[in-house]
Amino acid sequence: MPKYVASRTLKEPLQWNATLIKGDVAKELRKLKQAPGKSLLQYGMGELTHTMLKHGLVDEFRIIVFPFTFGERPRIFEHMGVNTLKLLDIKKFSSGAVVHLYQPQEVT
């Protein structure tokens, strides 16, 4: 699977097998989404996710809940404003983990 990196500080060539997204990240991601091939997948949440939501580039969220806690971290949707999500599916695993599949909804 091709890998892409959005960064303000990294320069090419990258030291691992990935392509650096240059310039307007939203514009470049829109091009990648329209290209033939498989879906794009982003791990984690952060400023890139916020940019993608702002520009309507998120098709779904897969939020995995694991049955344990592990200290303090920032909230995953912190500083992202209000986004309405539609629940599409829930999958339960024997480990106790649960995957919630959501789709962002247009706010009217």
Protein backbone atom coordinates (compact mmCIF):
# COMPACT_ATOMS: atom_id res chain seq x y z
CA MET A 1 0.00 0.00 0.00
CA PRO A 2 1.49 3.41 -0.90
CA LYS A 3 2.22 5.65 2.08
CA TYR A 4 1.87 9.45 2.16
CA VAL A 5 3.14 11.90 4.76
CA ALA A 6 1.78 15.40 5.42
CA SER A 7 4.41 17.49 7.18
CA ARG A 8 5.52 21.10 7.43
CA THR A 9 9.03 20.17 8.57
CA LEU A 10 10.11 17.03 6.71
CA LYS A 11 11.98 17.28 3.41
CA GLU A 12 12.47 14.77 0.62
CA PRO A 13 13.86 12.26 0.25
CA LEU A 14 12.16 10.61 3.23
CA GLN A 15 14.13 7.90 5.01
CA TRP A 16 11.30 5.37 4.65
CA ASN A 17 9.08 4.22 1.79
CA ALA A 18 6.61 7.12 1.62
CA THR A 19 5.70 10.13 -0.52
CA LEU A 20 5.71 13.60 1.01
CA ILE A 21 2.55 15.62 0.31
CA LYS A 22 3.67 19.11 -0.70
CA GLY A 23 1.76 22.40 -0.88
CA ASP A 24 -2.00 22.49 -0.34
CA VAL A 25 -2.68 19.27 1.61
CA ALA A 26 -6.46 19.36 1.02
CA LYS A 27 -5.98 19.79 -2.74
CA GLU A 28 -3.43 16.95 -2.90
CA LEU A 29 -5.62 14.62 -0.82
CA ARG A 30 -8.59 15.37 -3.08
CA LYS A 31 -6.46 14.30 -6.07
CA LEU A 32 -5.43 11.09 -4.29
CA LYS A 33 -9.07 10.29 -3.45
CA GLN A 34 -10.08 10.71 -7.11
CA ALA A 35 -7.26 8.51 -8.42
CA PRO A 36 -8.03 4.88 -9.24
CA GLY A 37 -7.09 2.33 -6.63
CA LYS A 38 -7.90 1.48 -3.06
CA SER A 39 -9.25 3.74 -0.32
CA LEU A 40 -7.03 6.07 1.69
CA LEU A 41 -6.54 5.22 5.36
CA GLN A 42 -5.32 7.55 8.11
CA TYR A 43 -4.26 6.23 11.52
CA GLY A 44 -4.72 8.42 14.56
CA MET A 45 -6.30 11.84 14.96
CA GLY A 46 -4.83 15.29 14.80
CA GLU A 47 -4.46 18.44 12.74
CA LEU A 48 -4.57 16.49 9.46
CA THR A 49 -7.93 15.00 10.47
CA HIS A 50 -9.23 18.49 11.25
CA THR A 51 -8.09 19.71 7.80
CA MET A 52 -9.72 16.73 6.12
CA LEU A 53 -13.04 17.32 7.94
CA LYS A 54 -12.97 21.02 7.12
CA HIS A 55 -12.62 20.22 3.40
CA GLY A 56 -15.11 17.32 3.31
CA LEU A 57 -12.43 14.68 2.71
CA VAL A 58 -13.44 12.19 5.44
CA ASP A 59 -15.72 9.40 4.26
CA GLU A 60 -15.80 7.40 7.50
CA PHE A 61 -14.35 7.06 10.97
CA ARG A 62 -13.54 3.68 12.46
CA ILE A 63 -13.21 4.22 16.17
CA ILE A 64 -11.87 1.23 18.04
CA VAL A 65 -12.58 0.97 21.76
CA PHE A 66 -10.33 -1.40 23.70
CA PRO A 67 -11.40 -2.74 27.12
CA PHE A 68 -8.60 -1.13 29.14
CA THR A 69 -7.25 2.28 30.13
CA PHE A 70 -3.69 3.55 29.74
CA GLY A 71 -3.05 6.95 31.27
CA GLU A 72 -3.74 10.48 30.15
CA ARG A 73 -3.69 11.67 26.54
CA PRO A 74 -5.36 14.53 24.65
CA ARG A 75 -8.95 13.91 23.64
CA ILE A 76 -9.12 12.55 20.09
CA PHE A 77 -11.57 15.20 18.85
CA GLU A 78 -10.11 18.09 20.88
CA HIS A 79 -10.09 21.45 19.00
CA MET A 80 -12.11 20.00 16.11
CA GLY A 81 -15.39 21.80 16.66
CA VAL A 82 -18.77 20.11 16.35
CA ASN A 83 -19.10 17.37 13.73
CA THR A 84 -22.25 15.27 13.42
CA LEU A 85 -21.56 11.60 12.75
CA LYS A 86 -23.96 8.92 11.53
CA LEU A 87 -23.46 5.43 13.00
CA LEU A 88 -23.13 2.90 10.14
CA ASP A 89 -22.08 -0.28 11.93
CA ILE A 90 -20.75 -1.78 15.16
CA LYS A 91 -18.48 -4.83 15.30
CA LYS A 92 -17.70 -6.68 18.50
CA PHE A 93 -14.66 -8.92 18.97
CA SER A 94 -14.07 -11.77 21.42
CA SER A 95 -11.25 -9.70 22.99
CA GLY A 96 -13.84 -7.16 24.12
CA ALA A 97 -12.75 -4.56 21.57
CA VAL A 98 -15.54 -2.79 19.68
CA VAL A 99 -15.26 -0.95 16.34
CA HIS A 100 -17.75 1.85 15.67
CA LEU A 101 -18.05 2.85 11.99
CA TYR A 102 -19.25 6.45 11.51
CA GLN A 103 -19.81 8.70 8.52
CA PRO A 104 -19.49 12.50 8.83
CA GLN A 105 -22.76 14.31 8.12
CA GLU A 106 -23.22 17.71 6.47
CA VAL A 107 -24.35 20.34 8.95
CA THR A 108 -27.35 22.27 7.62
